[in-house]
Amino acid sequence: ENLAICRRKGLLSTERLKKALLLLI
């Protein structure tokens, strides 16, 4: 459930970073 695919260019987008931070919390 924690795996997904994307293009390398969009890996560090702000939306993905914020979503990851909430999941870690």
PDB file of all heavy atoms in Angstrom:
ATOM      1  N   GLU A   1       0.814  -1.213   0.000  1.00  0.00           N
ATOM      2  CA  GLU A   1       0.000   0.000   0.000  1.00  0.00           C
ATOM      3  C   GLU A   1       0.850   1.267   0.000  1.00  0.00           C
ATOM      4  O   GLU A   1       0.343   2.353  -0.271  1.00  0.00           O
ATOM      5  CB  GLU A   1      -0.926   0.002   1.213  1.00  0.00           C
ATOM      6  CG  GLU A   1      -1.934  -1.148   1.212  1.00  0.00           C
ATOM      7  CD  GLU A   1      -2.766  -1.173   2.473  1.00  0.00           C
ATOM      8  OE1 GLU A   1      -2.483  -0.339   3.371  1.00  0.00           O
ATOM      9  OE2 GLU A   1      -3.689  -2.002   2.567  1.00  0.00           O
ATOM     10  N   ASN A   2       2.148   1.108   0.324  1.00  0.00           N
ATOM     11  CA  ASN A   2       3.038   2.269   0.398  1.00  0.00           C
ATOM     12  C   ASN A   2       3.851   2.443  -0.884  1.00  0.00           C
ATOM     13  O   ASN A   2       4.731   3.286  -0.943  1.00  0.00           O
ATOM     14  CB  ASN A   2       3.986   2.108   1.597  1.00  0.00           C
ATOM     15  CG  ASN A   2       4.757   3.369   1.897  1.00  0.00           C
ATOM     16  OD1 ASN A   2       4.201   4.459   1.928  1.00  0.00           O
ATOM     17  ND2 ASN A   2       6.059   3.238   2.093  1.00  0.00           N
ATOM     18  N   LEU A   3       3.573   1.649  -1.915  1.00  0.00           N
ATOM     19  CA  LEU A   3       4.315   1.728  -3.169  1.00  0.00           C
ATOM     20  C   LEU A   3       3.449   2.348  -4.257  1.00  0.00           C
ATOM     21  O   LEU A   3       2.258   2.066  -4.363  1.00  0.00           O
ATOM     22  CB  LEU A   3       4.778   0.341  -3.607  1.00  0.00           C
ATOM     23  CG  LEU A   3       5.667  -0.435  -2.629  1.00  0.00           C
ATOM     24  CD1 LEU A   3       6.037  -1.791  -3.203  1.00  0.00           C
ATOM     25  CD2 LEU A   3       6.921   0.361  -2.283  1.00  0.00           C
ATOM     26  N   ALA A   4       4.068   3.190  -5.078  1.00  0.00           N
ATOM     27  CA  ALA A   4       3.375   3.823  -6.196  1.00  0.00           C
ATOM     28  C   ALA A   4       4.398   4.140  -7.283  1.00  0.00           C
ATOM     29  O   ALA A   4       5.604   4.021  -7.060  1.00  0.00           O
ATOM     30  CB  ALA A   4       2.655   5.087  -5.748  1.00  0.00           C
ATOM     31  N   ILE A   5       3.924   4.535  -8.459  1.00  0.00           N
ATOM     32  CA  ILE A   5       4.834   4.879  -9.551  1.00  0.00           C
ATOM     33  C   ILE A   5       4.632   6.335  -9.952  1.00  0.00           C
ATOM     34  O   ILE A   5       3.547   6.901  -9.787  1.00  0.00           O
ATOM     35  CB  ILE A   5       4.626   3.962 -10.772  1.00  0.00           C
ATOM     36  CG1 ILE A   5       3.199   4.073 -11.296  1.00  0.00           C
ATOM     37  CG2 ILE A   5       4.966   2.524 -10.430  1.00  0.00           C
ATOM     38  CD1 ILE A   5       2.985   3.323 -12.608  1.00  0.00           C
ATOM     39  N   CYS A   6       5.676   6.934 -10.472  1.00  0.00           N
ATOM     40  CA  CYS A   6       5.605   8.302 -10.978  1.00  0.00           C
ATOM     41  C   CYS A   6       6.826   8.546 -11.852  1.00  0.00           C
ATOM     42  O   CYS A   6       7.759   7.738 -11.873  1.00  0.00           O
ATOM     43  CB  CYS A   6       5.543   9.317  -9.832  1.00  0.00           C
ATOM     44  SG  CYS A   6       7.110   9.528  -8.965  1.00  0.00           S
ATOM     45  N   ARG A   7       6.816   9.653 -12.569  1.00  0.00           N
ATOM     46  CA  ARG A   7       8.012  10.039 -13.313  1.00  0.00           C
ATOM     47  C   ARG A   7       9.015  10.658 -12.344  1.00  0.00           C
ATOM     48  O   ARG A   7       8.631  11.297 -11.361  1.00  0.00           O
ATOM     49  CB  ARG A   7       7.655  11.034 -14.419  1.00  0.00           C
ATOM     50  CG  ARG A   7       6.820  10.414 -15.525  1.00  0.00           C
ATOM     51  CD  ARG A   7       6.727  11.342 -16.726  1.00  0.00           C
ATOM     52  NE  ARG A   7       5.961  10.726 -17.797  1.00  0.00           N
ATOM     53  CZ  ARG A   7       6.471   9.900 -18.703  1.00  0.00           C
ATOM     54  NH1 ARG A   7       7.764   9.586 -18.644  1.00  0.00           N
ATOM     55  NH2 ARG A   7       5.717   9.378 -19.646  1.00  0.00           N
ATOM     56  N   ARG A   8      10.294  10.458 -12.632  1.00  0.00           N
ATOM     57  CA  ARG A   8      11.324  10.928 -11.695  1.00  0.00           C
ATOM     58  C   ARG A   8      11.245  12.441 -11.460  1.00  0.00           C
ATOM     59  O   ARG A   8      11.532  12.921 -10.369  1.00  0.00           O
ATOM     60  CB  ARG A   8      12.704  10.548 -12.229  1.00  0.00           C
ATOM     61  CG  ARG A   8      13.847  10.838 -11.255  1.00  0.00           C
ATOM     62  CD  ARG A   8      15.152  10.348 -11.805  1.00  0.00           C
ATOM     63  NE  ARG A   8      15.185   8.906 -11.923  1.00  0.00           N
ATOM     64  CZ  ARG A   8      15.469   8.079 -10.917  1.00  0.00           C
ATOM     65  NH1 ARG A   8      15.710   8.561  -9.709  1.00  0.00           N
ATOM     66  NH2 ARG A   8      15.488   6.781 -11.113  1.00  0.00           N
ATOM     67  N   LYS A   9      10.842  13.180 -12.486  1.00  0.00           N
ATOM     68  CA  LYS A   9      10.811  14.632 -12.359  1.00  0.00           C
ATOM     69  C   LYS A   9       9.844  15.096 -11.276  1.00  0.00           C
ATOM     70  O   LYS A   9      10.084  16.095 -10.597  1.00  0.00           O
ATOM     71  CB  LYS A   9      10.418  15.248 -13.704  1.00  0.00           C
ATOM     72  CG  LYS A   9      10.533  16.753 -13.735  1.00  0.00           C
ATOM     73  CD  LYS A   9      10.234  17.281 -15.131  1.00  0.00           C
ATOM     74  CE  LYS A   9      10.348  18.809 -15.158  1.00  0.00           C
ATOM     75  NZ  LYS A   9      10.047  19.348 -16.511  1.00  0.00           N
ATOM     76  N   GLY A  10       8.727  14.359 -11.079  1.00  0.00           N
ATOM     77  CA  GLY A  10       7.736  14.792 -10.087  1.00  0.00           C
ATOM     78  C   GLY A  10       7.862  14.121  -8.741  1.00  0.00           C
ATOM     79  O   GLY A  10       6.964  14.223  -7.903  1.00  0.00           O
ATOM     80  N   LEU A  11       8.996  13.419  -8.511  1.00  0.00           N
ATOM     81  CA  LEU A  11       9.148  12.655  -7.272  1.00  0.00           C
ATOM     82  C   LEU A  11       9.142  13.547  -6.037  1.00  0.00           C
ATOM     83  O   LEU A  11       8.558  13.194  -5.007  1.00  0.00           O
ATOM     84  CB  LEU A  11      10.447  11.843  -7.323  1.00  0.00           C
ATOM     85  CG  LEU A  11      10.758  10.983  -6.102  1.00  0.00           C
ATOM     86  CD1 LEU A  11       9.679   9.938  -5.892  1.00  0.00           C
ATOM     87  CD2 LEU A  11      12.119  10.315  -6.248  1.00  0.00           C
ATOM     88  N   LEU A  12       9.764  14.724  -6.130  1.00  0.00           N
ATOM     89  CA  LEU A  12       9.894  15.599  -4.957  1.00  0.00           C
ATOM     90  C   LEU A  12       8.955  16.805  -5.048  1.00  0.00           C
ATOM     91  O   LEU A  12       9.308  17.897  -4.599  1.00  0.00           O
ATOM     92  CB  LEU A  12      11.345  16.070  -4.818  1.00  0.00           C
ATOM     93  CG  LEU A  12      12.376  14.970  -4.537  1.00  0.00           C
ATOM     94  CD1 LEU A  12      13.777  15.548  -4.499  1.00  0.00           C
ATOM     95  CD2 LEU A  12      12.068  14.263  -3.225  1.00  0.00           C
ATOM     96  N   SER A  13       7.770  16.599  -5.583  1.00  0.00           N
ATOM     97  CA  SER A  13       6.803  17.697  -5.626  1.00  0.00           C
ATOM     98  C   SER A  13       6.338  18.033  -4.211  1.00  0.00           C
ATOM     99  O   SER A  13       6.357  17.191  -3.309  1.00  0.00           O
ATOM    100  CB  SER A  13       5.599  17.313  -6.494  1.00  0.00           C
ATOM    101  OG  SER A  13       4.895  16.241  -5.888  1.00  0.00           O
ATOM    102  N   THR A  14       5.912  19.267  -4.014  1.00  0.00           N
ATOM    103  CA  THR A  14       5.493  19.725  -2.688  1.00  0.00           C
ATOM    104  C   THR A  14       4.312  18.908  -2.167  1.00  0.00           C
ATOM    105  O   THR A  14       4.251  18.572  -0.981  1.00  0.00           O
ATOM    106  CB  THR A  14       5.110  21.217  -2.734  1.00  0.00           C
ATOM    107  OG1 THR A  14       6.189  21.956  -3.297  1.00  0.00           O
ATOM    108  CG2 THR A  14       4.823  21.739  -1.340  1.00  0.00           C
ATOM    109  N   GLU A  15       3.366  18.555  -3.050  1.00  0.00           N
ATOM    110  CA  GLU A  15       2.198  17.786  -2.619  1.00  0.00           C
ATOM    111  C   GLU A  15       2.608  16.412  -2.090  1.00  0.00           C
ATOM    112  O   GLU A  15       2.100  15.954  -1.054  1.00  0.00           O
ATOM    113  CB  GLU A  15       1.222  17.617  -3.786  1.00  0.00           C
ATOM    114  CG  GLU A  15       0.539  18.897  -4.245  1.00  0.00           C
ATOM    115  CD  GLU A  15       1.467  19.799  -5.042  1.00  0.00           C
ATOM    116  OE1 GLU A  15       2.513  19.289  -5.502  1.00  0.00           O
ATOM    117  OE2 GLU A  15       1.156  20.993  -5.180  1.00  0.00           O
ATOM    118  N   ARG A  16       3.529  15.755  -2.795  1.00  0.00           N
ATOM    119  CA  ARG A  16       3.968  14.433  -2.350  1.00  0.00           C
ATOM    120  C   ARG A  16       4.742  14.526  -1.035  1.00  0.00           C
ATOM    121  O   ARG A  16       4.615  13.659  -0.163  1.00  0.00           O
ATOM    122  CB  ARG A  16       4.838  13.783  -3.427  1.00  0.00           C
ATOM    123  CG  ARG A  16       4.040  13.281  -4.623  1.00  0.00           C
ATOM    124  CD  ARG A  16       4.860  12.307  -5.450  1.00  0.00           C
ATOM    125  NE  ARG A  16       4.037  11.696  -6.485  1.00  0.00           N
ATOM    126  CZ  ARG A  16       3.975  12.121  -7.741  1.00  0.00           C
ATOM    127  NH1 ARG A  16       4.705  13.158  -8.116  1.00  0.00           N
ATOM    128  NH2 ARG A  16       3.204  11.507  -8.614  1.00  0.00           N
ATOM    129  N   LEU A  17       5.549  15.558  -0.890  1.00  0.00           N
ATOM    130  CA  LEU A  17       6.307  15.726   0.353  1.00  0.00           C
ATOM    131  C   LEU A  17       5.377  15.952   1.541  1.00  0.00           C
ATOM    132  O   LEU A  17       5.569  15.373   2.618  1.00  0.00           O
ATOM    133  CB  LEU A  17       7.290  16.896   0.220  1.00  0.00           C
ATOM    134  CG  LEU A  17       8.463  16.708  -0.752  1.00  0.00           C
ATOM    135  CD1 LEU A  17       9.239  18.000  -0.905  1.00  0.00           C
ATOM    136  CD2 LEU A  17       9.380  15.601  -0.253  1.00  0.00           C
ATOM    137  N   LYS A  18       4.347  16.778   1.357  1.00  0.00           N
ATOM    138  CA  LYS A  18       3.403  17.055   2.442  1.00  0.00           C
ATOM    139  C   LYS A  18       2.600  15.813   2.808  1.00  0.00           C
ATOM    140  O   LYS A  18       2.363  15.530   3.984  1.00  0.00           O
ATOM    141  CB  LYS A  18       2.476  18.199   2.031  1.00  0.00           C
ATOM    142  CG  LYS A  18       3.181  19.558   1.970  1.00  0.00           C
ATOM    143  CD  LYS A  18       2.361  20.597   1.233  1.00  0.00           C
ATOM    144  CE  LYS A  18       1.114  20.969   1.965  1.00  0.00           C
ATOM    145  NZ  LYS A  18       0.388  22.066   1.277  1.00  0.00           N
ATOM    146  N   LYS A  19       2.191  15.036   1.778  1.00  0.00           N
ATOM    147  CA  LYS A  19       1.456  13.799   2.042  1.00  0.00           C
ATOM    148  C   LYS A  19       2.322  12.804   2.814  1.00  0.00           C
ATOM    149  O   LYS A  19       1.856  12.154   3.763  1.00  0.00           O
ATOM    150  CB  LYS A  19       1.000  13.191   0.720  1.00  0.00           C
ATOM    151  CG  LYS A  19       0.165  11.925   0.880  1.00  0.00           C
ATOM    152  CD  LYS A  19      -0.288  11.391  -0.461  1.00  0.00           C
ATOM    153  CE  LYS A  19      -1.116  10.112  -0.278  1.00  0.00           C
ATOM    154  NZ  LYS A  19      -1.545   9.563  -1.598  1.00  0.00           N
ATOM    155  N   ALA A  20       3.581  12.688   2.420  1.00  0.00           N
ATOM    156  CA  ALA A  20       4.495  11.778   3.110  1.00  0.00           C
ATOM    157  C   ALA A  20       4.693  12.192   4.556  1.00  0.00           C
ATOM    158  O   ALA A  20       4.731  11.351   5.465  1.00  0.00           O
ATOM    159  CB  ALA A  20       5.836  11.746   2.379  1.00  0.00           C
ATOM    160  N   LEU A  21       4.821  13.491   4.798  1.00  0.00           N
ATOM    161  CA  LEU A  21       5.016  13.985   6.159  1.00  0.00           C
ATOM    162  C   LEU A  21       3.834  13.633   7.048  1.00  0.00           C
ATOM    163  O   LEU A  21       4.007  13.202   8.198  1.00  0.00           O
ATOM    164  CB  LEU A  21       5.239  15.494   6.131  1.00  0.00           C
ATOM    165  CG  LEU A  21       5.578  16.164   7.459  1.00  0.00           C
ATOM    166  CD1 LEU A  21       6.860  15.578   8.043  1.00  0.00           C
ATOM    167  CD2 LEU A  21       5.720  17.673   7.280  1.00  0.00           C
ATOM    168  N   LEU A  22       2.601  13.777   6.531  1.00  0.00           N
ATOM    169  CA  LEU A  22       1.406  13.428   7.309  1.00  0.00           C
ATOM    170  C   LEU A  22       1.357  11.928   7.615  1.00  0.00           C
ATOM    171  O   LEU A  22       0.983  11.518   8.723  1.00  0.00           O
ATOM    172  CB  LEU A  22       0.150  13.852   6.546  1.00  0.00           C
ATOM    173  CG  LEU A  22      -0.065  15.358   6.381  1.00  0.00           C
ATOM    174  CD1 LEU A  22      -1.258  15.637   5.481  1.00  0.00           C
ATOM    175  CD2 LEU A  22      -0.254  16.023   7.745  1.00  0.00           C
ATOM    176  N   LEU A  23       1.744  11.112   6.629  1.00  0.00           N
ATOM    177  CA  LEU A  23       1.762   9.657   6.853  1.00  0.00           C
ATOM    178  C   LEU A  23       2.781   9.278   7.930  1.00  0.00           C
ATOM    179  O   LEU A  23       2.515   8.411   8.770  1.00  0.00           O
ATOM    180  CB  LEU A  23       2.096   8.935   5.544  1.00  0.00           C
ATOM    181  CG  LEU A  23       1.012   8.955   4.461  1.00  0.00           C
ATOM    182  CD1 LEU A  23       1.550   8.362   3.168  1.00  0.00           C
ATOM    183  CD2 LEU A  23      -0.219   8.185   4.931  1.00  0.00           C
ATOM    184  N   LEU A  24       3.935   9.921   7.915  1.00  0.00           N
ATOM    185  CA  LEU A  24       4.965   9.637   8.922  1.00  0.00           C
ATOM    186  C   LEU A  24       4.509  10.055  10.316  1.00  0.00           C
ATOM    187  O   LEU A  24       4.805   9.375  11.308  1.00  0.00           O
ATOM    188  CB  LEU A  24       6.269  10.354   8.560  1.00  0.00           C
ATOM    189  CG  LEU A  24       7.005   9.823   7.327  1.00  0.00           C
ATOM    190  CD1 LEU A  24       8.204  10.693   7.011  1.00  0.00           C
ATOM    191  CD2 LEU A  24       7.458   8.382   7.560  1.00  0.00           C
ATOM    192  N   ILE A  25       3.801  11.167  10.407  1.00  0.00           N
ATOM    193  CA  ILE A  25       3.276  11.613  11.701  1.00  0.00           C
ATOM    194  C   ILE A  25       2.280  10.590  12.253  1.00  0.00           C
ATOM    195  O   ILE A  25       2.293  10.264  13.454  1.00  0.00           O
ATOM    196  CB  ILE A  25       2.629  13.006  11.566  1.00  0.00           C
ATOM    197  CG1 ILE A  25       3.710  14.057  11.282  1.00  0.00           C
ATOM    198  CG2 ILE A  25       1.851  13.367  12.828  1.00  0.00           C
ATOM    199  CD1 ILE A  25       3.161  15.424  10.947  1.00  0.00           C
TER     200      ILE A  25
END
